Protein backbone atom coordinates (compact mmCIF):
# COMPACT_ATOMS: atom_id res chain seq x y z
CA UNK A 1 -111.33 21.44 -273.17
CA UNK A 2 -108.07 20.64 -271.15
CA UNK A 3 -106.84 23.96 -271.76
CA UNK A 4 -110.15 26.10 -271.06
CA UNK A 5 -110.12 24.34 -267.89
CA UNK A 6 -106.14 25.46 -267.01
CA UNK A 7 -107.06 28.90 -268.24
CA UNK A 8 -109.81 29.30 -266.06
CA UNK A 9 -108.19 27.72 -263.30
CA UNK A 10 -105.08 30.06 -264.02
CA UNK A 11 -107.74 32.91 -263.55
CA UNK A 12 -109.53 31.83 -260.95
CA UNK A 13 -106.33 31.66 -258.76
CA UNK A 14 -105.13 34.94 -260.23
CA UNK A 15 -108.43 36.50 -258.72
CA UNK A 16 -108.32 34.75 -255.44
CA UNK A 17 -104.58 36.01 -254.66
CA UNK A 18 -105.95 39.68 -255.94
CA UNK A 19 -109.03 39.36 -253.58
CA UNK A 20 -106.01 37.84 -250.85
CA UNK A 21 -104.25 40.91 -251.15
CA UNK A 22 -106.81 43.58 -251.25
CA UNK A 23 -108.56 41.88 -247.82
CA UNK A 24 -104.84 42.18 -246.44
CA UNK A 25 -104.44 45.25 -247.48
CA UNK A 26 -107.89 46.35 -246.29
CA UNK A 27 -107.16 44.82 -243.03
CA UNK A 28 -104.20 46.71 -242.60
CA UNK A 29 -105.77 49.82 -243.38
CA UNK A 30 -108.33 48.84 -240.46
CA UNK A 31 -106.13 48.10 -238.35
CA UNK A 32 -103.76 51.24 -238.93
CA UNK A 33 -107.64 53.35 -237.98
CA UNK A 34 -108.08 51.21 -234.99
CA UNK A 35 -104.35 51.81 -233.64
CA UNK A 36 -105.63 55.72 -234.37
CA UNK A 37 -108.18 55.95 -232.81
CA UNK A 38 -107.28 53.65 -229.89
CA UNK A 39 -104.35 55.75 -229.32
CA UNK A 40 -106.09 59.17 -229.20
CA UNK A 41 -109.10 57.77 -227.54
CA UNK A 42 -105.79 57.36 -224.50
CA UNK A 43 -104.14 60.53 -224.97
CA UNK A 44 -101.36 59.37 -227.41
CA UNK A 45 -100.30 61.78 -230.20
CA UNK A 46 -96.76 60.49 -230.33
CA UNK A 47 -96.73 58.06 -232.78
CA UNK A 48 -96.77 58.41 -236.62
CA UNK A 49 -97.31 56.15 -239.45
CA UNK A 50 -94.41 55.56 -241.98
CA UNK A 51 -94.53 57.59 -245.05
CA UNK A 52 -91.33 57.18 -247.00
CA UNK A 53 -90.65 54.03 -249.31
CA UNK A 54 -94.31 53.07 -249.19
CA UNK A 55 -96.41 51.23 -252.06
CA UNK A 56 -98.85 54.45 -253.41
CA UNK A 57 -101.96 53.47 -251.44
CA UNK A 58 -100.20 52.79 -248.21
CA UNK A 59 -98.06 55.99 -248.57
CA UNK A 60 -101.61 57.87 -249.42
CA UNK A 61 -103.28 55.63 -246.26
CA UNK A 62 -100.51 56.82 -243.90
CA UNK A 63 -100.19 60.49 -245.17
CA UNK A 64 -104.07 60.57 -244.60
CA UNK A 65 -104.22 59.19 -240.82
CA UNK A 66 -101.18 61.29 -240.05
CA UNK A 67 -103.09 64.19 -241.20
CA UNK A 68 -106.34 63.10 -239.38
CA UNK A 69 -103.83 62.88 -236.15
CA UNK A 70 -102.11 66.24 -236.52
CA UNK A 71 -105.63 68.22 -236.97
CA UNK A 72 -107.28 66.34 -233.63
CA UNK A 73 -103.85 67.18 -232.08
CA UNK A 74 -104.10 70.49 -232.86
CA UNK A 75 -107.64 71.11 -231.71
CA UNK A 76 -106.50 69.30 -228.18
CA UNK A 77 -103.79 71.71 -228.00
CA UNK A 78 -106.30 74.90 -228.33
CA UNK A 79 -108.68 73.50 -225.86
CA UNK A 80 -105.99 73.17 -223.52
CA UNK A 81 -104.56 76.68 -224.39
CA UNK A 82 -108.60 77.56 -223.66
CA UNK A 83 -108.72 75.65 -220.60
CA UNK A 84 -105.76 76.91 -219.25
CA UNK A 85 -106.85 80.97 -220.06
CA UNK A 86 -110.17 80.08 -218.37
CA UNK A 87 -108.26 78.72 -215.55
CA UNK A 88 -106.35 82.02 -214.92
CA UNK A 89 -109.53 83.89 -215.23
CA UNK A 90 -110.86 82.12 -212.44
CA UNK A 91 -107.97 81.87 -210.09
CA UNK A 92 -107.70 85.74 -210.66
CA UNK A 93 -110.91 86.37 -209.09
CA UNK A 94 -112.20 86.83 -205.37
CA UNK A 95 -115.09 84.87 -205.66
CA UNK A 96 -114.98 81.02 -205.02
CA UNK A 97 -116.41 78.67 -207.89
CA UNK A 98 -116.96 75.24 -206.76
CA UNK A 99 -118.49 73.05 -209.98
CA UNK A 100 -120.01 69.70 -208.44
CA UNK A 101 -121.70 66.75 -209.66
CA UNK A 102 -125.34 67.31 -207.96
CA UNK A 103 -126.44 64.23 -207.58
CA UNK A 104 -123.07 62.79 -205.37
CA UNK A 105 -121.55 66.00 -204.36
CA UNK A 106 -118.51 65.52 -205.77
CA UNK A 107 -116.72 68.44 -206.70
CA UNK A 108 -115.29 68.32 -210.56
CA UNK A 109 -113.42 72.02 -210.38
CA UNK A 110 -112.65 74.77 -207.91
CA UNK A 111 -110.49 78.17 -208.23
CA UNK A 112 -107.90 79.12 -205.86
CA UNK A 113 -110.29 81.32 -203.95
CA UNK A 114 -112.54 78.24 -203.52
CA UNK A 115 -109.18 76.75 -201.34
CA UNK A 116 -108.14 79.65 -200.24
CA UNK A 117 -111.59 80.47 -198.23
CA UNK A 118 -111.76 76.63 -197.30
CA UNK A 119 -108.17 77.02 -195.69
CA UNK A 120 -107.60 73.65 -197.77
CA UNK A 121 -105.15 72.74 -200.60
CA UNK A 122 -107.71 70.25 -201.98
CA UNK A 123 -111.37 70.15 -202.29
CA UNK A 124 -113.21 66.81 -203.77
CA UNK A 125 -116.52 66.86 -201.84
CA UNK A 126 -118.98 69.57 -200.70
CA UNK A 127 -119.05 68.29 -197.23
CA UNK A 128 -115.56 69.92 -196.88
CA UNK A 129 -117.34 73.30 -197.42
CA UNK A 130 -120.45 73.57 -195.98
CA UNK A 131 -119.60 74.86 -192.77
CA UNK A 132 -117.91 77.84 -194.72
CA UNK A 133 -120.81 77.99 -196.94
CA UNK A 134 -122.66 79.29 -193.96
CA UNK A 135 -120.72 82.17 -193.62
CA UNK A 136 -120.72 83.12 -197.06
CA UNK A 137 -123.02 85.00 -199.67
CA UNK A 138 -123.91 81.59 -202.34
CA UNK A 139 -125.31 81.96 -205.71
CA UNK A 140 -126.06 78.17 -207.49
CA UNK A 141 -126.58 77.60 -211.16
CA UNK A 142 -127.81 74.12 -212.06
CA UNK A 143 -126.79 72.85 -215.82
CA UNK A 144 -125.79 69.49 -217.68
CA UNK A 145 -122.08 68.70 -218.34
CA UNK A 146 -121.53 65.63 -220.87
CA UNK A 147 -125.17 64.52 -219.76
CA UNK A 148 -124.67 64.72 -215.99
CA UNK A 149 -126.07 67.05 -213.90
CA UNK A 150 -123.95 69.73 -212.15
CA UNK A 151 -124.42 72.56 -209.33
CA UNK A 152 -121.94 75.38 -209.88
CA UNK A 153 -121.46 77.25 -206.83
CA UNK A 154 -120.42 81.03 -206.43
CA UNK A 155 -119.72 82.36 -203.20
CA UNK A 156 -118.61 85.63 -201.69
CA UNK A 157 -117.37 87.00 -198.55
CA UNK A 158 -119.02 89.84 -197.91
CA UNK A 159 -117.90 90.43 -194.11
CA UNK A 160 -114.62 91.72 -195.79
CA UNK A 161 -116.83 94.54 -197.76
CA UNK A 162 -118.74 95.19 -194.73
CA UNK A 163 -115.75 95.62 -192.61
CA UNK A 164 -114.07 98.08 -195.01
CA UNK A 165 -117.43 100.17 -194.78
CA UNK A 166 -117.38 99.66 -191.00
CA UNK A 167 -113.83 100.88 -191.04
CA UNK A 168 -114.44 103.86 -193.53
CA UNK A 169 -117.60 104.84 -190.99
CA UNK A 170 -115.77 104.87 -187.81
CA UNK A 171 -112.50 106.55 -189.11
CA UNK A 172 -114.96 109.58 -190.51
CA UNK A 173 -116.45 109.83 -187.30
CA UNK A 174 -113.59 109.84 -185.24
CA UNK A 175 -112.02 112.69 -187.35
CA UNK A 176 -115.11 114.96 -186.79
CA UNK A 177 -115.20 114.28 -183.16
CA UNK A 178 -111.45 114.35 -182.74
CA UNK A 179 -111.43 117.86 -184.55
CA UNK A 180 -114.28 119.39 -182.64
CA UNK A 181 -113.20 117.96 -179.42
CA UNK A 182 -109.35 119.54 -179.96
CA UNK A 183 -110.98 122.89 -181.23
CA UNK A 184 -112.62 122.92 -177.94
CA UNK A 185 -109.97 122.33 -175.65
CA UNK A 186 -106.91 123.51 -177.00
CA UNK A 187 -108.08 127.41 -176.38
CA UNK A 188 -108.59 126.08 -172.63
CA UNK A 189 -105.69 124.43 -172.21
CA UNK A 190 -103.75 127.19 -173.76
CA UNK A 191 -105.57 129.88 -171.65
CA UNK A 192 -105.19 127.97 -168.28
CA UNK A 193 -101.43 127.86 -168.79
CA UNK A 194 -101.35 131.57 -169.72
CA UNK A 195 -103.53 132.45 -166.40
CA UNK A 196 -101.41 129.83 -164.08
CA UNK A 197 -98.72 132.73 -164.07
CA UNK A 198 -100.63 135.55 -162.97
CA UNK A 199 -103.21 133.82 -160.67
CA UNK A 200 -102.54 132.56 -156.60
CA UNK A 201 -104.38 131.31 -153.80
CA UNK A 202 -107.44 129.06 -154.86
CA UNK A 203 -108.03 130.33 -158.24
CA UNK A 204 -104.51 129.14 -159.10
CA UNK A 205 -105.50 125.74 -157.54
CA UNK A 206 -108.55 125.71 -159.68
CA UNK A 207 -106.85 126.71 -162.60
CA UNK A 208 -104.21 123.64 -162.48
CA UNK A 209 -107.22 121.08 -162.45
CA UNK A 210 -108.66 122.53 -165.62
CA UNK A 211 -104.93 122.98 -167.13
CA UNK A 212 -104.42 119.37 -166.17
CA UNK A 213 -107.49 117.75 -167.23
CA UNK A 214 -107.91 119.41 -170.33
CA UNK A 215 -104.17 118.17 -171.03
CA UNK A 216 -105.29 114.40 -170.29
CA UNK A 217 -108.13 114.92 -172.83
CA UNK A 218 -105.83 116.29 -175.32
CA UNK A 219 -103.82 113.06 -175.19
CA UNK A 220 -106.92 110.94 -174.83
CA UNK A 221 -108.07 112.62 -178.20
CA UNK A 222 -104.48 112.31 -179.67
CA UNK A 223 -104.32 108.70 -178.91
CA UNK A 224 -107.18 108.08 -181.12
CA UNK A 225 -105.97 110.00 -183.80
CA UNK A 226 -103.84 107.08 -184.45
CA UNK A 227 -106.87 105.53 -185.67
CA UNK A 228 -107.16 107.64 -188.27
CA UNK A 229 -103.85 108.13 -189.29
CA UNK A 230 -102.17 104.79 -190.29
CA UNK A 231 -99.03 105.97 -192.43
CA UNK A 232 -98.79 104.84 -196.35
CA UNK A 233 -97.17 101.39 -196.39
CA UNK A 234 -93.87 101.53 -198.09
CA UNK A 235 -93.37 97.28 -198.77
CA UNK A 236 -90.35 95.41 -199.39
CA UNK A 237 -89.34 92.15 -199.36
CA UNK A 238 -88.05 90.64 -195.98
CA UNK A 239 -87.86 86.97 -194.75
CA UNK A 240 -90.32 86.06 -192.37
CA UNK A 241 -88.32 83.68 -189.93
CA UNK A 242 -85.69 86.23 -188.85
CA UNK A 243 -88.50 89.19 -188.48
CA UNK A 244 -90.65 86.25 -186.04
CA UNK A 245 -87.63 85.65 -184.34
CA UNK A 246 -87.26 89.22 -183.50
CA UNK A 247 -90.92 89.55 -182.37
CA UNK A 248 -90.37 86.52 -179.99
CA UNK A 249 -87.49 87.97 -178.37
CA UNK A 250 -89.07 90.99 -177.70
CA UNK A 251 -92.27 89.01 -176.74
CA UNK A 252 -90.41 87.06 -173.83
CA UNK A 253 -90.14 90.03 -170.65
CA UNK A 254 -94.50 90.25 -171.45
CA UNK A 255 -94.91 86.52 -170.84
CA UNK A 256 -95.56 85.16 -167.14
CA UNK A 257 -93.40 82.81 -165.49
CA UNK A 258 -92.99 79.45 -167.09
CA UNK A 259 -94.71 80.74 -170.46
CA UNK A 260 -92.60 80.22 -173.92
CA UNK A 261 -93.24 81.48 -176.81
CA UNK A 262 -92.45 79.04 -180.12
CA UNK A 263 -91.77 80.38 -184.02
CA UNK A 264 -92.22 78.01 -187.02
CA UNK A 265 -92.14 78.73 -190.44
CA UNK A 266 -92.73 76.91 -193.59
CA UNK A 267 -90.86 77.26 -195.76
CA UNK A 268 -87.78 78.55 -194.08
CA UNK A 269 -86.98 80.96 -196.84
CA UNK A 270 -90.60 81.99 -196.79
CA UNK A 271 -90.63 86.01 -198.42
CA UNK A 272 -93.39 88.49 -197.42
CA UNK A 273 -93.83 91.82 -199.60
CA UNK A 274 -94.88 94.49 -197.02
CA UNK A 275 -93.78 97.18 -194.45
CA UNK A 276 -91.96 95.59 -192.10
CA UNK A 277 -92.11 98.15 -189.96
CA UNK A 278 -96.15 98.65 -190.26
CA UNK A 279 -96.21 94.76 -189.80
CA UNK A 280 -93.85 94.48 -186.72
CA UNK A 281 -96.91 96.85 -185.07
CA UNK A 282 -99.46 94.55 -185.61
CA UNK A 283 -97.75 91.76 -184.59
CA UNK A 284 -96.25 93.06 -181.35
CA UNK A 285 -99.80 94.19 -180.25
CA UNK A 286 -101.05 90.79 -181.00
CA UNK A 287 -97.97 89.12 -178.95
CA UNK A 288 -99.03 91.68 -176.35
CA UNK A 289 -102.49 90.91 -176.34
CA UNK A 290 -101.49 87.09 -175.93
CA UNK A 291 -99.41 87.69 -173.21
CA UNK A 292 -101.91 89.33 -171.02
CA UNK A 293 -104.72 86.82 -171.74
CA UNK A 294 -102.39 83.84 -170.85
CA UNK A 295 -101.86 82.86 -167.12
CA UNK A 296 -98.22 81.13 -166.28
CA UNK A 297 -97.54 77.81 -168.17
CA UNK A 298 -98.93 78.77 -171.10
CA UNK A 299 -97.79 79.00 -174.81
CA UNK A 300 -97.56 81.49 -177.66
CA UNK A 301 -97.06 79.74 -181.02
CA UNK A 302 -95.52 82.24 -183.50
CA UNK A 303 -96.06 80.86 -187.15
CA UNK A 304 -96.29 81.67 -190.61
CA UNK A 305 -96.85 79.53 -193.97
CA UNK A 306 -98.17 79.78 -197.60
CA UNK A 307 -101.05 79.06 -199.63
CA UNK A 308 -100.03 77.78 -203.38
CA UNK A 309 -97.39 80.23 -203.18
CA UNK A 310 -99.38 83.72 -203.37
CA UNK A 311 -100.95 84.00 -199.94
CA UNK A 312 -98.79 84.44 -196.94
CA UNK A 313 -100.56 83.79 -193.36
CA UNK A 314 -98.63 84.83 -189.89
CA UNK A 315 -100.63 83.45 -187.21
CA UNK A 316 -100.25 84.46 -183.39
CA UNK A 317 -101.48 81.50 -181.22
CA UNK A 318 -102.02 81.25 -177.68
CA UNK A 319 -103.71 78.67 -175.27
CA UNK A 320 -105.28 81.17 -172.73
CA UNK A 321 -108.70 81.37 -172.11
CA UNK A 322 -110.95 81.32 -175.20
CA UNK A 323 -112.70 84.59 -176.13
CA UNK A 324 -116.39 84.08 -175.48
CA UNK A 325 -118.67 84.65 -178.94
CA UNK A 326 -120.17 88.00 -177.74
CA UNK A 327 -116.70 89.74 -177.05
CA UNK A 328 -115.69 87.90 -180.47
CA UNK A 329 -118.04 89.45 -182.31
CA UNK A 330 -116.59 93.11 -181.42
CA UNK A 331 -113.37 93.28 -180.63
CA UNK A 332 -112.04 95.10 -184.14
CA UNK A 333 -114.74 97.40 -183.31
CA UNK A 334 -113.18 100.72 -182.81
CA UNK A 335 -112.63 101.88 -179.14
CA UNK A 336 -114.59 98.44 -177.74
CA UNK A 337 -112.49 97.06 -174.30
CA UNK A 338 -112.73 94.51 -172.11
CA UNK A 339 -109.47 95.73 -170.39
CA UNK A 340 -109.72 98.58 -167.48
CA UNK A 341 -106.80 100.50 -168.80
CA UNK A 342 -107.22 99.46 -172.46
CA UNK A 343 -107.96 101.94 -175.26
CA UNK A 344 -109.54 99.76 -177.60
CA UNK A 345 -108.01 100.96 -180.33
CA UNK A 346 -105.09 98.42 -180.90
CA UNK A 347 -106.76 95.65 -183.13
CA UNK A 348 -108.43 98.66 -184.36
CA UNK A 349 -105.40 99.55 -185.71
CA UNK A 350 -104.12 96.67 -186.72
CA UNK A 351 -106.87 96.16 -188.89
CA UNK A 352 -106.59 99.30 -190.47
CA UNK A 353 -102.58 98.68 -191.16
CA UNK A 354 -103.62 95.18 -192.61
CA UNK A 355 -106.38 96.78 -195.14
CA UNK A 356 -103.70 99.33 -196.08
CA UNK A 357 -101.01 96.28 -196.74
CA UNK A 358 -103.78 94.52 -199.33
CA UNK A 359 -104.41 92.14 -196.34
CA UNK A 360 -107.01 91.36 -193.55
CA UNK A 361 -106.61 89.92 -189.88
CA UNK A 362 -109.13 87.37 -188.95
CA UNK A 363 -109.92 85.60 -185.15
CA UNK A 364 -109.78 81.42 -185.43
CA UNK A 365 -111.10 79.87 -182.26
CA UNK A 366 -110.65 76.14 -182.10
CA UNK A 367 -112.59 75.05 -179.19
CA UNK A 368 -111.76 71.66 -179.69
CA UNK A 369 -108.23 72.13 -178.75
CA UNK A 370 -108.68 75.52 -177.04
CA UNK A 371 -106.61 77.56 -179.16
CA UNK A 372 -107.04 81.21 -180.09
CA UNK A 373 -105.45 82.61 -183.33
CA UNK A 374 -105.35 86.18 -184.86
CA UNK A 375 -104.23 85.37 -188.29
CA UNK A 376 -102.23 87.79 -190.64
CA UNK A 377 -103.20 87.03 -194.33
CA UNK A 378 -101.23 88.83 -197.31
CA UNK A 379 -102.52 88.22 -200.86
């Protein structure tokens, strides 16, 4: 009887030891699984469970957990690659795209075009782009993302397309008019030159008037022909800071007494790929306009900066009288001018040059600080 009790006690003890060992192993396995999920939840994929020198069961568990981690890590890497791919696609389009929380207005994602149009490095809330949206064509799409209602805004600047069509129309019209006028006037000038050699008295005086008037008309038409014959740009790389400093030196004789011109470039080694000769024509024309607009003791600033390393902006800023809204709406139209002796083609040619250089020119009026800015943007 005592022997049976001893055997039973030993059996119970062994059973308890086995149960305890199994419980410990299950606990260690559960702790490893919990560690695995906690690490993955925190984005940590650097860990690895040891597989060498372990008992068969532990080795198999560790190998299985490592495999799970490797599979999830591979899936995460593929997802990141897809996100980068779609990010590149979004940044390559000219349409501004903003994804925002529909209830709170918080921006969840935006592409490079949106940041460029908003002139911001970061867009965090829809209120930051509300003013911009008023001048753009906006399309909205609502959907759900991870249980959250989101709104996708696709915004296009149709003004640029309209401006291109407007320029094309003006170019075609000007070419037709100048061609017809030159065909009519040139023979008159040539014939009057010939007749002047044999005429005298009142007839000679009359021919002089005809010849002089015809010559002035020819020169007038030739001036407008410049609008339709912008040279093809020959772009090269050049540093912006020394370029603007040269422009500033050329501007000084044009300024009134007490006026100054300042240059600021950020970064200092900013490089632009464009036709330096054509761009100098644009900048010098803008400086000339600024010098004529400002009074004594005023200032002109030549500024340059880059946006995300891809877009370069050159600003010609002055603190003279602001351009009235009714005038600002027409300043880029060919032959429109408010000057008595102006031709009205300076800004039109500038816009043509910027268009040929894959860029654009825009007017920015800062009424709060009374500043007028003409911005040249190179993509």
